Each structure stands twice: as C-alpha cells, then as structure tokens.
C-alpha cells in the first residue's frame, strides 16, 4: 500500500488547517527547511514557537519528514502538493461513498458538477466511461 494513502486512511486529521497548509507549501517550495528558514522567508508572519509546533504536527501527521541538523530539525515534504490534494480528495470521497447514503452523496456530486459547468459534466461522463473500460480490461472482458 502507498504510504501516503495509509496516512489519509488512518488519520483523517491529516487534512490541513490554513497555517498548516501555508507551512507545508513553504517547506515544499524550498525542498527542505528548518523553522528558522521558514521564518526568514518572511511569507509567514507567526512566532518561531508557532511555526515549530505546526511543523511538529505536520511531521506527526506523516506529511513532513525530518532529520536532526545540529540542534534543529530539517523538514521536507513527503509528497508534492498535487499528491497531497489528490489523496485528501480521494480519502474524503471514499468516506462519503462508504456511508449508507453513498448513492445520495453521489447524486449531490453530479448535481454540483452540472450546476458548475456543463463541460465538466461531459468530462465526468468521459472519465466514468474510461474507468469502466479499464475495469473491464483488467477483468479480461475486452
């Protein structure tokens, strides 16, 4: 199983608050960063301790890795922002679809897509068809 996938399945808390997201993107943009380096960027206006605590939370959630560098930790993102967004979205949708009202949730999703843009509804239909073909191919039906 993909380690990132297991983070989201095991800990719905892996969804980020605004400051967590901001710090996560700051670390991703740098490649790796210490708390001091995040502060030096001057894009996050928080105290050292607030950033330290938030980076520690991101580490415990499994989204950042860290190595000891002198007296401080150097953090790096375990996945790209795109991978994070994908896993968070898929995890949330899976939760909805596992409920006893899965069909109702699915109908709300289709309603929201169609209200947003008719082209999106066409894209959804094409994606469903492509996925159906892939599943049939895997089952050896084609």
C-alpha atoms as a PDB file:
ATOM      1  CA  UNK A   1       0.000   0.000   0.000  1.00  0.00           C
ATOM      2  CA  UNK A   2       1.159   3.548  -0.774  1.00  0.00           C
ATOM      3  CA  UNK A   3       2.488   5.120   2.471  1.00  0.00           C
ATOM      4  CA  UNK A   4       0.767   8.421   1.712  1.00  0.00           C
ATOM      5  CA  UNK A   5      -2.531   6.620   1.123  1.00  0.00           C
ATOM      6  CA  UNK A   6      -2.222   4.921   4.504  1.00  0.00           C
ATOM      7  CA  UNK A   7      -1.668   8.314   6.185  1.00  0.00           C
ATOM      8  CA  UNK A   8      -5.015   9.550   4.926  1.00  0.00           C
ATOM      9  CA  UNK A   9      -6.869   6.312   5.640  1.00  0.00           C
ATOM     10  CA  UNK A  10      -5.514   6.058   9.181  1.00  0.00           C
ATOM     11  CA  UNK A  11      -5.690   9.748  10.108  1.00  0.00           C
ATOM     12  CA  UNK A  12      -8.404  11.943   8.670  1.00  0.00           C
ATOM     13  CA  UNK A  13      -6.726  14.616  10.783  1.00  0.00           C
ATOM     14  CA  UNK A  14      -4.113  14.750   8.027  1.00  0.00           C
ATOM     15  CA  UNK A  15      -6.347  17.367   6.423  1.00  0.00           C
ATOM     16  CA  UNK A  16      -4.671  20.701   6.923  1.00  0.00           C
ATOM     17  CA  UNK A  17      -5.728  23.935   8.513  1.00  0.00           C
ATOM     18  CA  UNK A  18      -4.751  27.248   6.858  1.00  0.00           C
ATOM     19  CA  UNK A  19      -1.453  27.687   8.735  1.00  0.00           C
ATOM     20  CA  UNK A  20      -0.508  24.030   8.295  1.00  0.00           C
ATOM     21  CA  UNK A  21      -1.155  24.308   4.559  1.00  0.00           C
ATOM     22  CA  UNK A  22       0.875  27.526   4.322  1.00  0.00           C
ATOM     23  CA  UNK A  23       3.844  25.996   6.140  1.00  0.00           C
ATOM     24  CA  UNK A  24       3.585  22.750   4.168  1.00  0.00           C
ATOM     25  CA  UNK A  25       3.767  24.706   0.887  1.00  0.00           C
ATOM     26  CA  UNK A  26       6.670  26.803   2.209  1.00  0.00           C
ATOM     27  CA  UNK A  27       8.661  23.649   3.009  1.00  0.00           C
ATOM     28  CA  UNK A  28       7.738  22.113  -0.360  1.00  0.00           C
ATOM     29  CA  UNK A  29       8.829  25.266  -2.231  1.00  0.00           C
ATOM     30  CA  UNK A  30      12.243  25.225  -0.539  1.00  0.00           C
ATOM     31  CA  UNK A  31      12.763  21.470  -0.884  1.00  0.00           C
ATOM     32  CA  UNK A  32      13.595  21.326   2.807  1.00  0.00           C
ATOM     33  CA  UNK A  33      13.606  23.864   5.604  1.00  0.00           C
ATOM     34  CA  UNK A  34      14.245  24.473   9.258  1.00  0.00           C
ATOM     35  CA  UNK A  35      11.896  26.593  11.354  1.00  0.00           C
ATOM     36  CA  UNK A  36      14.382  29.475  11.094  1.00  0.00           C
ATOM     37  CA  UNK A  37      14.435  29.244   7.291  1.00  0.00           C
ATOM     38  CA  UNK A  38      10.647  29.355   7.114  1.00  0.00           C
ATOM     39  CA  UNK A  39      10.770  32.494   9.282  1.00  0.00           C
ATOM     40  CA  UNK A  40      13.490  34.037   7.080  1.00  0.00           C
ATOM     41  CA  UNK A  41      11.250  33.801   4.010  1.00  0.00           C
ATOM     42  CA  UNK A  42       9.010  36.475   5.600  1.00  0.00           C
ATOM     43  CA  UNK A  43       5.889  34.985   3.992  1.00  0.00           C
ATOM     44  CA  UNK A  44       4.513  33.508   7.223  1.00  0.00           C
ATOM     45  CA  UNK A  45       4.007  36.024   9.987  1.00  0.00           C
ATOM     46  CA  UNK A  46       3.991  33.777  13.046  1.00  0.00           C
ATOM     47  CA  UNK A  47       6.291  33.300  16.002  1.00  0.00           C
ATOM     48  CA  UNK A  48       9.113  30.784  15.986  1.00  0.00           C
ATOM     49  CA  UNK A  49       7.258  28.605  18.514  1.00  0.00           C
ATOM     50  CA  UNK A  50       4.042  28.618  16.457  1.00  0.00           C
ATOM     51  CA  UNK A  51       5.906  27.501  13.332  1.00  0.00           C
ATOM     52  CA  UNK A  52       7.859  24.912  15.352  1.00  0.00           C
ATOM     53  CA  UNK A  53       4.633  23.477  16.793  1.00  0.00           C
ATOM     54  CA  UNK A  54       2.934  23.422  13.392  1.00  0.00           C
ATOM     55  CA  UNK A  55       5.874  21.711  11.693  1.00  0.00           C
ATOM     56  CA  UNK A  56       5.870  19.150  14.505  1.00  0.00           C
ATOM     57  CA  UNK A  57       2.176  18.486  13.858  1.00  0.00           C
ATOM     58  CA  UNK A  58       2.823  18.061  10.127  1.00  0.00           C
ATOM     59  CA  UNK A  59       5.576  15.583  10.993  1.00  0.00           C
ATOM     60  CA  UNK A  60       3.273  13.611  13.336  1.00  0.00           C
ATOM     61  CA  UNK A  61       0.602  13.551  10.621  1.00  0.00           C
ATOM     62  CA  UNK A  62       3.192  11.965   8.341  1.00  0.00           C
ATOM     63  CA  UNK A  63       3.275  14.790   5.816  1.00  0.00           C
ATOM     64  CA  UNK A  64       6.767  16.040   6.653  1.00  0.00           C
ATOM     65  CA  UNK A  65       9.879  14.019   7.329  1.00  0.00           C
ATOM     66  CA  UNK A  66      12.695  15.408   9.441  1.00  0.00           C
ATOM     67  CA  UNK A  67      16.344  14.863  10.194  1.00  0.00           C
ATOM     68  CA  UNK A  68      18.358  16.333  13.017  1.00  0.00           C
ATOM     69  CA  UNK A  69      20.738  19.008  11.766  1.00  0.00           C
ATOM     70  CA  UNK A  70      22.788  20.397  14.610  1.00  0.00           C
ATOM     71  CA  UNK A  71      20.321  21.440  17.297  1.00  0.00           C
ATOM     72  CA  UNK A  72      17.337  21.795  14.951  1.00  0.00           C
ATOM     73  CA  UNK A  73      15.330  19.595  12.652  1.00  0.00           C
ATOM     74  CA  UNK A  74      15.372  19.998   8.880  1.00  0.00           C
ATOM     75  CA  UNK A  75      11.961  19.159   7.467  1.00  0.00           C
ATOM     76  CA  UNK A  76      10.998  18.074   3.964  1.00  0.00           C
ATOM     77  CA  UNK A  77       7.640  17.282   2.399  1.00  0.00           C
ATOM     78  CA  UNK A  78       6.895  13.587   1.875  1.00  0.00           C
ATOM     79  CA  UNK A  79       4.720  14.310  -1.164  1.00  0.00           C
ATOM     80  CA  UNK A  80       4.005  17.087  -3.632  1.00  0.00           C
ATOM     81  CA  UNK A  81       1.089  19.470  -3.066  1.00  0.00           C
ATOM     82  CA  UNK A  82      -0.678  17.792  -6.001  1.00  0.00           C
ATOM     83  CA  UNK A  83      -0.253  14.341  -4.426  1.00  0.00           C
ATOM     84  CA  UNK A  84      -1.490  15.705  -1.114  1.00  0.00           C
ATOM     85  CA  UNK A  85      -4.579  17.272  -2.701  1.00  0.00           C
ATOM     86  CA  UNK A  86      -5.326  14.091  -4.631  1.00  0.00           C
ATOM     87  CA  UNK A  87      -5.075  11.856  -1.579  1.00  0.00           C
ATOM     88  CA  UNK A  88      -7.098  14.241   0.606  1.00  0.00           C
ATOM     89  CA  UNK A  89      -9.847  14.416  -2.023  1.00  0.00           C
ATOM     90  CA  UNK A  90      -9.909  10.669  -2.686  1.00  0.00           C
ATOM     91  CA  UNK A  91      -9.922   9.921   1.046  1.00  0.00           C
ATOM     92  CA  UNK A  92     -12.845  12.281   1.649  1.00  0.00           C
ATOM     93  CA  UNK A  93     -14.807  10.852  -1.256  1.00  0.00           C
ATOM     94  CA  UNK A  94     -14.152   7.280  -0.111  1.00  0.00           C
ATOM     95  CA  UNK A  95     -15.518   8.176   3.306  1.00  0.00           C
ATOM     96  CA  UNK A  96     -18.701   9.523   1.727  1.00  0.00           C
ATOM     97  CA  UNK A  97     -19.092   6.527  -0.565  1.00  0.00           C
ATOM     98  CA  UNK A  98     -18.720   4.053   2.321  1.00  0.00           C
ATOM     99  CA  UNK A  99     -21.734   5.512   4.091  1.00  0.00           C
ATOM    100  CA  UNK A 100     -25.206   4.065   3.862  1.00  0.00           C
ATOM    101  CA  UNK A 101     -26.177   7.146   1.835  1.00  0.00           C
ATOM    102  CA  UNK A 102     -23.497   6.712  -0.833  1.00  0.00           C
ATOM    103  CA  UNK A 103     -25.981   6.998  -3.725  1.00  0.00           C
ATOM    104  CA  UNK A 104     -27.335  10.220  -2.297  1.00  0.00           C
ATOM    105  CA  UNK A 105     -23.827  11.686  -1.935  1.00  0.00           C
ATOM    106  CA  UNK A 106     -23.044  10.667  -5.493  1.00  0.00           C
ATOM    107  CA  UNK A 107     -26.195  12.400  -6.750  1.00  0.00           C
ATOM    108  CA  UNK A 108     -25.175  15.582  -4.878  1.00  0.00           C
ATOM    109  CA  UNK A 109     -21.778  15.439  -6.531  1.00  0.00           C
ATOM    110  CA  UNK A 110     -23.304  15.115 -10.002  1.00  0.00           C
ATOM    111  CA  UNK A 111     -25.721  17.936  -9.196  1.00  0.00           C
ATOM    112  CA  UNK A 112     -22.852  20.188  -8.103  1.00  0.00           C
ATOM    113  CA  UNK A 113     -20.789  19.355 -11.209  1.00  0.00           C
ATOM    114  CA  UNK A 114     -23.692  20.051 -13.560  1.00  0.00           C
ATOM    115  CA  UNK A 115     -24.520  23.327 -11.792  1.00  0.00           C
ATOM    116  CA  UNK A 116     -20.907  24.443 -12.160  1.00  0.00           C
ATOM    117  CA  UNK A 117     -20.372  23.790 -15.850  1.00  0.00           C
ATOM    118  CA  UNK A 118     -21.943  21.562 -18.482  1.00  0.00           C
ATOM    119  CA  UNK A 119     -18.479  20.793 -19.891  1.00  0.00           C
ATOM    120  CA  UNK A 120     -17.474  19.382 -16.512  1.00  0.00           C
ATOM    121  CA  UNK A 121     -20.444  17.037 -16.678  1.00  0.00           C
ATOM    122  CA  UNK A 122     -19.206  15.849 -20.089  1.00  0.00           C
ATOM    123  CA  UNK A 123     -15.719  15.358 -18.617  1.00  0.00           C
ATOM    124  CA  UNK A 124     -17.201  13.375 -15.737  1.00  0.00           C
ATOM    125  CA  UNK A 125     -19.071  11.150 -18.157  1.00  0.00           C
ATOM    126  CA  UNK A 126     -15.896  10.573 -20.204  1.00  0.00           C
ATOM    127  CA  UNK A 127     -13.915   9.756 -17.039  1.00  0.00           C
ATOM    128  CA  UNK A 128     -16.557   7.270 -15.915  1.00  0.00           C
ATOM    129  CA  UNK A 129     -16.529   5.607 -19.336  1.00  0.00           C
ATOM    130  CA  UNK A 130     -12.709   5.414 -19.371  1.00  0.00           C
ATOM    131  CA  UNK A 131     -12.662   3.931 -15.882  1.00  0.00           C
ATOM    132  CA  UNK A 132     -15.334   1.384 -16.838  1.00  0.00           C
ATOM    133  CA  UNK A 133     -13.256   0.318 -19.859  1.00  0.00           C
ATOM    134  CA  UNK A 134     -10.134  -0.039 -17.713  1.00  0.00           C
ATOM    135  CA  UNK A 135     -12.001  -2.202 -15.199  1.00  0.00           C
ATOM    136  CA  UNK A 136     -13.386  -4.406 -17.994  1.00  0.00           C
ATOM    137  CA  UNK A 137      -9.909  -4.740 -19.479  1.00  0.00           C
ATOM    138  CA  UNK A 138      -8.477  -5.763 -16.094  1.00  0.00           C
ATOM    139  CA  UNK A 139     -11.209  -8.373 -15.747  1.00  0.00           C
ATOM    140  CA  UNK A 140     -10.343  -9.689 -19.209  1.00  0.00           C
ATOM    141  CA  UNK A 141     -13.699  -8.790 -20.698  1.00  0.00           C
ATOM    142  CA  UNK A 142     -12.238  -6.965 -23.699  1.00  0.00           C
END
